[in-house]
Amino acid sequence: METQSKSIKSYAKEAKQRLKSRFWEEYKREVDSGVKIAKEEGLAPSGVEKYFKSKVVRTVRGTKKEDEMFYKEVKNMLDAYGKPSDALSRLMDKKYFLTLSYEERERYLFRLSEKYLKAIERYDREREIEITLGKA
């Protein structure tokens, strides 16, 4: 019970900090600006709204540090090389991979490819909006 109340306190403290830092006003200004640009470009504003919403959800809810680090690694690779044919090889932990049995290696590659495909989807969505908004 005590950890739950601490958790609630920390959430409340974070929410209060967001209000003090004018986080929500900044968010609203960015969304309005993005929607305006999207309309001027003849694009659906809902895509821009989804882009900013997902950014805020990741900020407020938080993401696993490991997942965010993996995404940044994929993003850097895609920015530098496009979509290389050896992407999984570049992303895998080769030392760890060599310690696995055949079945474990298959599972590892399957999970890695799932994470990679999700990261590509996120990258493509974000990149499209950032290009539209002139942030790329």
N, C-alpha and C. Protein backbone atom coordinates (compact mmCIF):
# COMPACT_ATOMS: atom_id res chain seq x y z
N MET A 1 0.82 -1.19 0.00
CA MET A 1 0.00 0.00 0.00
C MET A 1 0.87 1.26 0.00
N GLU A 2 1.96 1.19 0.75
CA GLU A 2 2.83 2.36 0.84
C GLU A 2 3.49 2.68 -0.50
N THR A 3 3.91 1.65 -1.25
CA THR A 3 4.53 1.89 -2.55
C THR A 3 3.53 2.47 -3.53
N GLN A 4 2.27 2.05 -3.40
CA GLN A 4 1.25 2.58 -4.30
C GLN A 4 1.02 4.06 -4.01
N SER A 5 0.97 4.45 -2.74
CA SER A 5 0.78 5.86 -2.41
C SER A 5 1.98 6.69 -2.85
N LYS A 6 3.19 6.13 -2.73
CA LYS A 6 4.37 6.83 -3.22
C LYS A 6 4.26 7.00 -4.73
N SER A 7 3.79 5.98 -5.39
CA SER A 7 3.64 6.04 -6.83
C SER A 7 2.63 7.13 -7.21
N ILE A 8 1.55 7.18 -6.51
CA ILE A 8 0.54 8.21 -6.78
C ILE A 8 1.12 9.59 -6.49
N LYS A 9 1.87 9.71 -5.40
CA LYS A 9 2.51 10.98 -5.08
C LYS A 9 3.48 11.40 -6.18
N SER A 10 4.25 10.44 -6.68
CA SER A 10 5.21 10.80 -7.72
C SER A 10 4.50 11.20 -9.01
N TYR A 11 3.40 10.51 -9.32
CA TYR A 11 2.62 10.90 -10.50
C TYR A 11 2.05 12.31 -10.33
N ALA A 12 1.56 12.59 -9.15
CA ALA A 12 1.01 13.92 -8.89
C ALA A 12 2.09 14.99 -8.99
N LYS A 13 3.27 14.68 -8.46
CA LYS A 13 4.39 15.62 -8.52
C LYS A 13 4.78 15.88 -9.97
N GLU A 14 4.82 14.82 -10.78
CA GLU A 14 5.16 14.98 -12.20
C GLU A 14 4.11 15.81 -12.92
N ALA A 15 2.84 15.57 -12.62
CA ALA A 15 1.75 16.33 -13.24
C ALA A 15 1.85 17.80 -12.86
N LYS A 16 2.12 18.06 -11.60
CA LYS A 16 2.26 19.44 -11.13
C LYS A 16 3.43 20.13 -11.83
N GLN A 17 4.52 19.40 -12.00
CA GLN A 17 5.69 19.95 -12.68
C GLN A 17 5.36 20.29 -14.14
N ARG A 18 4.58 19.42 -14.79
CA ARG A 18 4.18 19.70 -16.18
C ARG A 18 3.34 20.96 -16.25
N LEU A 19 2.47 21.15 -15.29
CA LEU A 19 1.64 22.37 -15.27
C LEU A 19 2.50 23.61 -15.04
N LYS A 20 3.43 23.52 -14.09
CA LYS A 20 4.31 24.66 -13.80
C LYS A 20 5.18 25.03 -14.99
N SER A 21 5.63 24.03 -15.72
CA SER A 21 6.54 24.29 -16.85
C SER A 21 5.79 24.65 -18.12
N ARG A 22 4.47 24.77 -18.01
CA ARG A 22 3.63 25.15 -19.16
C ARG A 22 3.72 24.10 -20.29
N PHE A 23 3.93 22.86 -19.89
CA PHE A 23 4.03 21.74 -20.82
C PHE A 23 2.82 21.67 -21.74
N TRP A 24 1.64 21.79 -21.15
CA TRP A 24 0.41 21.63 -21.94
C TRP A 24 0.17 22.80 -22.89
N GLU A 25 0.56 24.00 -22.48
CA GLU A 25 0.42 25.16 -23.38
C GLU A 25 1.35 24.99 -24.59
N GLU A 26 2.56 24.53 -24.31
CA GLU A 26 3.52 24.28 -25.39
C GLU A 26 3.00 23.19 -26.33
N TYR A 27 2.45 22.13 -25.74
CA TYR A 27 1.88 21.04 -26.54
C TYR A 27 0.77 21.57 -27.44
N LYS A 28 -0.14 22.36 -26.87
CA LYS A 28 -1.26 22.91 -27.65
C LYS A 28 -0.75 23.79 -28.78
N ARG A 29 0.26 24.62 -28.48
CA ARG A 29 0.81 25.51 -29.50
C ARG A 29 1.44 24.70 -30.64
N GLU A 30 2.18 23.64 -30.30
CA GLU A 30 2.80 22.79 -31.33
C GLU A 30 1.75 22.09 -32.18
N VAL A 31 0.71 21.57 -31.53
CA VAL A 31 -0.35 20.89 -32.28
C VAL A 31 -1.04 21.86 -33.21
N ASP A 32 -1.42 23.05 -32.70
CA ASP A 32 -2.10 24.04 -33.54
C ASP A 32 -1.24 24.47 -34.72
N SER A 33 0.05 24.67 -34.46
CA SER A 33 0.96 25.06 -35.53
C SER A 33 1.09 23.94 -36.56
N GLY A 34 1.22 22.71 -36.08
CA GLY A 34 1.33 21.55 -36.98
C GLY A 34 0.08 21.34 -37.82
N VAL A 35 -1.08 21.51 -37.20
CA VAL A 35 -2.35 21.36 -37.92
C VAL A 35 -2.46 22.43 -39.00
N LYS A 36 -2.07 23.64 -38.67
CA LYS A 36 -2.11 24.74 -39.65
C LYS A 36 -1.23 24.42 -40.85
N ILE A 37 -0.01 23.97 -40.58
CA ILE A 37 0.92 23.62 -41.67
C ILE A 37 0.37 22.47 -42.50
N ALA A 38 -0.19 21.47 -41.83
CA ALA A 38 -0.75 20.32 -42.55
C ALA A 38 -1.88 20.77 -43.47
N LYS A 39 -2.75 21.64 -42.98
CA LYS A 39 -3.85 22.13 -43.81
C LYS A 39 -3.33 22.92 -45.00
N GLU A 40 -2.29 23.73 -44.77
CA GLU A 40 -1.70 24.51 -45.87
C GLU A 40 -1.09 23.60 -46.92
N GLU A 41 -0.55 22.45 -46.48
CA GLU A 41 0.07 21.49 -47.40
C GLU A 41 -0.97 20.56 -48.02
N GLY A 42 -2.23 20.69 -47.60
CA GLY A 42 -3.29 19.84 -48.14
C GLY A 42 -3.30 18.45 -47.53
N LEU A 43 -2.76 18.31 -46.33
CA LEU A 43 -2.72 17.01 -45.65
C LEU A 43 -3.76 16.96 -44.54
N ALA A 44 -4.10 15.75 -44.16
CA ALA A 44 -5.07 15.56 -43.08
C ALA A 44 -4.44 15.97 -41.75
N PRO A 45 -5.07 16.87 -41.02
CA PRO A 45 -4.52 17.29 -39.74
C PRO A 45 -4.52 16.19 -38.68
N SER A 46 -5.32 15.15 -38.90
CA SER A 46 -5.39 14.08 -37.90
C SER A 46 -4.05 13.37 -37.75
N GLY A 47 -3.27 13.28 -38.82
CA GLY A 47 -1.95 12.66 -38.74
C GLY A 47 -1.01 13.44 -37.83
N VAL A 48 -1.07 14.77 -37.94
CA VAL A 48 -0.25 15.63 -37.09
C VAL A 48 -0.69 15.50 -35.64
N GLU A 49 -2.00 15.47 -35.42
CA GLU A 49 -2.52 15.33 -34.07
C GLU A 49 -2.08 14.00 -33.45
N LYS A 50 -2.13 12.93 -34.23
CA LYS A 50 -1.70 11.62 -33.74
C LYS A 50 -0.21 11.63 -33.40
N TYR A 51 0.58 12.29 -34.24
CA TYR A 51 2.02 12.39 -34.02
C TYR A 51 2.32 13.04 -32.67
N PHE A 52 1.70 14.19 -32.43
CA PHE A 52 1.95 14.89 -31.17
C PHE A 52 1.36 14.14 -29.98
N LYS A 53 0.22 13.51 -30.19
CA LYS A 53 -0.39 12.74 -29.10
C LYS A 53 0.53 11.60 -28.68
N SER A 54 1.07 10.87 -29.65
CA SER A 54 1.95 9.75 -29.30
C SER A 54 3.22 10.24 -28.61
N LYS A 55 3.73 11.41 -29.02
CA LYS A 55 4.90 11.98 -28.35
C LYS A 55 4.59 12.30 -26.89
N VAL A 56 3.43 12.89 -26.66
CA VAL A 56 3.04 13.26 -25.30
C VAL A 56 2.77 12.02 -24.46
N VAL A 57 2.13 11.03 -25.05
CA VAL A 57 1.86 9.80 -24.30
C VAL A 57 3.17 9.16 -23.86
N ARG A 58 4.16 9.12 -24.75
CA ARG A 58 5.47 8.57 -24.38
C ARG A 58 6.12 9.39 -23.28
N THR A 59 5.94 10.71 -23.32
CA THR A 59 6.53 11.58 -22.31
C THR A 59 5.84 11.40 -20.96
N VAL A 60 4.51 11.44 -20.97
CA VAL A 60 3.75 11.39 -19.73
C VAL A 60 3.75 9.99 -19.14
N ARG A 61 3.41 9.01 -19.95
CA ARG A 61 3.32 7.63 -19.47
C ARG A 61 4.70 7.03 -19.27
N GLY A 62 5.61 7.50 -20.08
CA GLY A 62 6.96 6.96 -20.03
C GLY A 62 7.06 5.70 -20.87
N THR A 63 8.24 5.42 -21.31
CA THR A 63 8.50 4.19 -22.04
C THR A 63 9.67 3.51 -21.37
N LYS A 64 9.81 2.26 -21.65
CA LYS A 64 10.96 1.55 -21.11
C LYS A 64 12.21 2.16 -21.72
N LYS A 65 13.17 2.40 -20.88
CA LYS A 65 14.43 3.00 -21.34
C LYS A 65 15.05 2.14 -22.43
N GLU A 66 14.97 0.83 -22.25
CA GLU A 66 15.54 -0.11 -23.22
C GLU A 66 14.86 0.03 -24.58
N ASP A 67 13.52 0.16 -24.59
CA ASP A 67 12.79 0.30 -25.85
C ASP A 67 13.14 1.60 -26.55
N GLU A 68 13.26 2.67 -25.78
CA GLU A 68 13.59 3.97 -26.36
C GLU A 68 15.02 3.98 -26.90
N MET A 69 15.93 3.32 -26.20
CA MET A 69 17.31 3.22 -26.68
C MET A 69 17.37 2.42 -27.98
N PHE A 70 16.59 1.34 -28.06
CA PHE A 70 16.55 0.53 -29.28
C PHE A 70 16.01 1.38 -30.43
N TYR A 71 14.94 2.14 -30.17
CA TYR A 71 14.37 2.98 -31.23
C TYR A 71 15.40 4.00 -31.71
N LYS A 72 16.13 4.61 -30.79
CA LYS A 72 17.13 5.60 -31.19
C LYS A 72 18.22 4.96 -32.03
N GLU A 73 18.59 3.73 -31.68
CA GLU A 73 19.60 3.01 -32.46
C GLU A 73 19.08 2.74 -33.88
N VAL A 74 17.83 2.32 -33.98
CA VAL A 74 17.22 2.07 -35.29
C VAL A 74 17.12 3.38 -36.07
N LYS A 75 16.68 4.43 -35.41
CA LYS A 75 16.53 5.74 -36.07
C LYS A 75 17.86 6.22 -36.62
N ASN A 76 18.92 6.12 -35.82
CA ASN A 76 20.24 6.54 -36.28
C ASN A 76 20.69 5.71 -37.48
N MET A 77 20.41 4.41 -37.44
CA MET A 77 20.78 3.54 -38.55
C MET A 77 20.01 3.91 -39.81
N LEU A 78 18.70 4.15 -39.66
CA LEU A 78 17.88 4.50 -40.82
C LEU A 78 18.27 5.86 -41.39
N ASP A 79 18.59 6.81 -40.52
CA ASP A 79 19.03 8.12 -40.99
C ASP A 79 20.35 8.01 -41.75
N ALA A 80 21.23 7.15 -41.28
CA ALA A 80 22.56 7.04 -41.89
C ALA A 80 22.58 6.16 -43.14
N TYR A 81 21.86 5.03 -43.10
CA TYR A 81 21.99 4.04 -44.17
C TYR A 81 20.70 3.70 -44.91
N GLY A 82 19.60 4.31 -44.54
CA GLY A 82 18.33 3.88 -45.10
C GLY A 82 17.93 2.57 -44.44
N LYS A 83 17.34 1.68 -45.20
CA LYS A 83 16.94 0.37 -44.66
C LYS A 83 17.90 -0.69 -45.19
N PRO A 84 19.00 -0.91 -44.45
CA PRO A 84 20.01 -1.85 -44.94
C PRO A 84 19.52 -3.30 -44.90
N SER A 85 20.02 -4.10 -45.79
CA SER A 85 19.62 -5.51 -45.85
C SER A 85 20.14 -6.30 -44.66
N ASP A 86 21.17 -5.80 -44.00
CA ASP A 86 21.73 -6.50 -42.85
C ASP A 86 21.35 -5.82 -41.52
N ALA A 87 20.16 -5.25 -41.47
CA ALA A 87 19.73 -4.48 -40.30
C ALA A 87 19.75 -5.32 -39.02
N LEU A 88 19.23 -6.54 -39.07
CA LEU A 88 19.20 -7.37 -37.87
C LEU A 88 20.61 -7.68 -37.39
N SER A 89 21.50 -7.92 -38.31
CA SER A 89 22.88 -8.19 -37.95
C SER A 89 23.50 -6.98 -37.26
N ARG A 90 23.17 -5.78 -37.73
CA ARG A 90 23.69 -4.55 -37.13
C ARG A 90 23.12 -4.33 -35.73
N LEU A 91 21.88 -4.76 -35.52
CA LEU A 91 21.19 -4.48 -34.26
C LEU A 91 21.40 -5.54 -33.18
N MET A 92 21.76 -6.74 -33.59
CA MET A 92 21.86 -7.83 -32.62
C MET A 92 23.10 -7.72 -31.74
N ASP A 93 22.99 -8.33 -30.58
CA ASP A 93 24.13 -8.47 -29.67
C ASP A 93 24.81 -9.79 -30.07
N LYS A 94 25.85 -9.69 -30.86
CA LYS A 94 26.48 -10.88 -31.45
C LYS A 94 27.09 -11.81 -30.39
N LYS A 95 27.71 -11.24 -29.37
CA LYS A 95 28.30 -12.08 -28.32
C LYS A 95 27.22 -12.90 -27.62
N TYR A 96 26.11 -12.25 -27.29
CA TYR A 96 25.00 -12.95 -26.64
C TYR A 96 24.41 -13.98 -27.58
N PHE A 97 24.22 -13.60 -28.84
CA PHE A 97 23.63 -14.48 -29.83
C PHE A 97 24.41 -15.78 -29.96
N LEU A 98 25.72 -15.71 -29.93
CA LEU A 98 26.56 -16.90 -30.10
C LEU A 98 26.48 -17.86 -28.91
N THR A 99 25.99 -17.38 -27.78
CA THR A 99 25.86 -18.24 -26.60
C THR A 99 24.55 -19.03 -26.60
N LEU A 100 23.64 -18.70 -27.52
CA LEU A 100 22.31 -19.32 -27.53
C LEU A 100 22.28 -20.63 -28.30
N SER A 101 21.32 -21.47 -27.93
CA SER A 101 21.09 -22.69 -28.70
C SER A 101 20.37 -22.32 -30.00
N TYR A 102 20.22 -23.29 -30.89
CA TYR A 102 19.57 -23.05 -32.18
C TYR A 102 18.17 -22.47 -31.98
N GLU A 103 17.36 -23.09 -31.12
CA GLU A 103 15.98 -22.64 -30.89
C GLU A 103 15.96 -21.24 -30.27
N GLU A 104 16.88 -21.00 -29.33
CA GLU A 104 16.95 -19.69 -28.68
C GLU A 104 17.36 -18.61 -29.68
N ARG A 105 18.24 -18.97 -30.61
CA ARG A 105 18.65 -18.02 -31.64
C ARG A 105 17.46 -17.64 -32.53
N GLU A 106 16.65 -18.63 -32.90
CA GLU A 106 15.47 -18.35 -33.71
C GLU A 106 14.51 -17.41 -32.98
N ARG A 107 14.28 -17.70 -31.69
CA ARG A 107 13.41 -16.84 -30.89
C ARG A 107 13.97 -15.43 -30.79
N TYR A 108 15.26 -15.34 -30.55
CA TYR A 108 15.93 -14.04 -30.44
C TYR A 108 15.76 -13.24 -31.72
N LEU A 109 16.01 -13.88 -32.86
CA LEU A 109 15.88 -13.18 -34.15
C LEU A 109 14.44 -12.78 -34.43
N PHE A 110 13.49 -13.64 -34.05
CA PHE A 110 12.09 -13.33 -34.25
C PHE A 110 11.70 -12.09 -33.43
N ARG A 111 12.09 -12.08 -32.16
CA ARG A 111 11.76 -10.93 -31.30
C ARG A 111 12.45 -9.66 -31.78
N LEU A 112 13.71 -9.79 -32.19
CA LEU A 112 14.45 -8.65 -32.70
C LEU A 112 13.79 -8.09 -33.97
N SER A 113 13.36 -8.98 -34.85
CA SER A 113 12.72 -8.52 -36.08
C SER A 113 11.38 -7.85 -35.79
N GLU A 114 10.64 -8.35 -34.80
CA GLU A 114 9.39 -7.70 -34.40
C GLU A 114 9.64 -6.29 -33.89
N LYS A 115 10.62 -6.15 -33.01
CA LYS A 115 10.97 -4.83 -32.47
C LYS A 115 11.43 -3.90 -33.59
N TYR A 116 12.21 -4.45 -34.52
CA TYR A 116 12.72 -3.65 -35.63
C TYR A 116 11.57 -3.16 -36.52
N LEU A 117 10.63 -4.04 -36.84
CA LEU A 117 9.51 -3.64 -37.68
C LEU A 117 8.64 -2.57 -37.00
N LYS A 118 8.43 -2.70 -35.70
CA LYS A 118 7.67 -1.68 -34.96
C LYS A 118 8.43 -0.35 -34.96
N ALA A 119 9.73 -0.42 -34.81
CA ALA A 119 10.55 0.80 -34.82
C ALA A 119 10.50 1.46 -36.20
N ILE A 120 10.51 0.66 -37.26
CA ILE A 120 10.42 1.22 -38.62
C ILE A 120 9.07 1.91 -38.81
N GLU A 121 8.00 1.29 -38.35
CA GLU A 121 6.67 1.91 -38.47
C GLU A 121 6.65 3.26 -37.76
N ARG A 122 7.16 3.29 -36.54
CA ARG A 122 7.20 4.54 -35.78
C ARG A 122 8.06 5.57 -36.50
N TYR A 123 9.22 5.14 -36.99
CA TYR A 123 10.13 6.04 -37.70
C TYR A 123 9.45 6.64 -38.93
N ASP A 124 8.80 5.79 -39.72
CA ASP A 124 8.14 6.27 -40.94
C ASP A 124 7.04 7.28 -40.62
N ARG A 125 6.23 6.98 -39.59
CA ARG A 125 5.16 7.91 -39.19
C ARG A 125 5.74 9.24 -38.74
N GLU A 126 6.73 9.18 -37.86
CA GLU A 126 7.31 10.40 -37.32
C GLU A 126 8.05 11.18 -38.40
N ARG A 127 8.76 10.49 -39.25
CA ARG A 127 9.53 11.15 -40.31
C ARG A 127 8.62 11.90 -41.28
N GLU A 128 7.51 11.27 -41.64
CA GLU A 128 6.56 11.90 -42.56
C GLU A 128 6.03 13.21 -41.98
N ILE A 129 5.65 13.17 -40.72
CA ILE A 129 5.12 14.37 -40.07
C ILE A 129 6.22 15.42 -39.90
N GLU A 130 7.41 14.99 -39.50
CA GLU A 130 8.51 15.94 -39.31
C GLU A 130 8.89 16.62 -40.62
N ILE A 131 8.85 15.89 -41.71
CA ILE A 131 9.13 16.49 -43.03
C ILE A 131 8.06 17.52 -43.36
N THR A 132 6.81 17.15 -43.10
CA THR A 132 5.69 18.06 -43.35
C THR A 132 5.83 19.33 -42.54
N LEU A 133 6.24 19.19 -41.28
CA LEU A 133 6.34 20.33 -40.39
C LEU A 133 7.66 21.08 -40.53
N GLY A 134 8.54 20.57 -41.39
CA GLY A 134 9.82 21.23 -41.61
C GLY A 134 10.82 21.00 -40.48
N LYS A 135 10.64 19.92 -39.71
CA LYS A 135 11.54 19.63 -38.59
C LYS A 135 12.62 18.64 -38.98
N ALA A 136 12.57 18.14 -40.20
CA ALA A 136 13.57 17.12 -40.60
C ALA A 136 14.57 17.71 -41.55
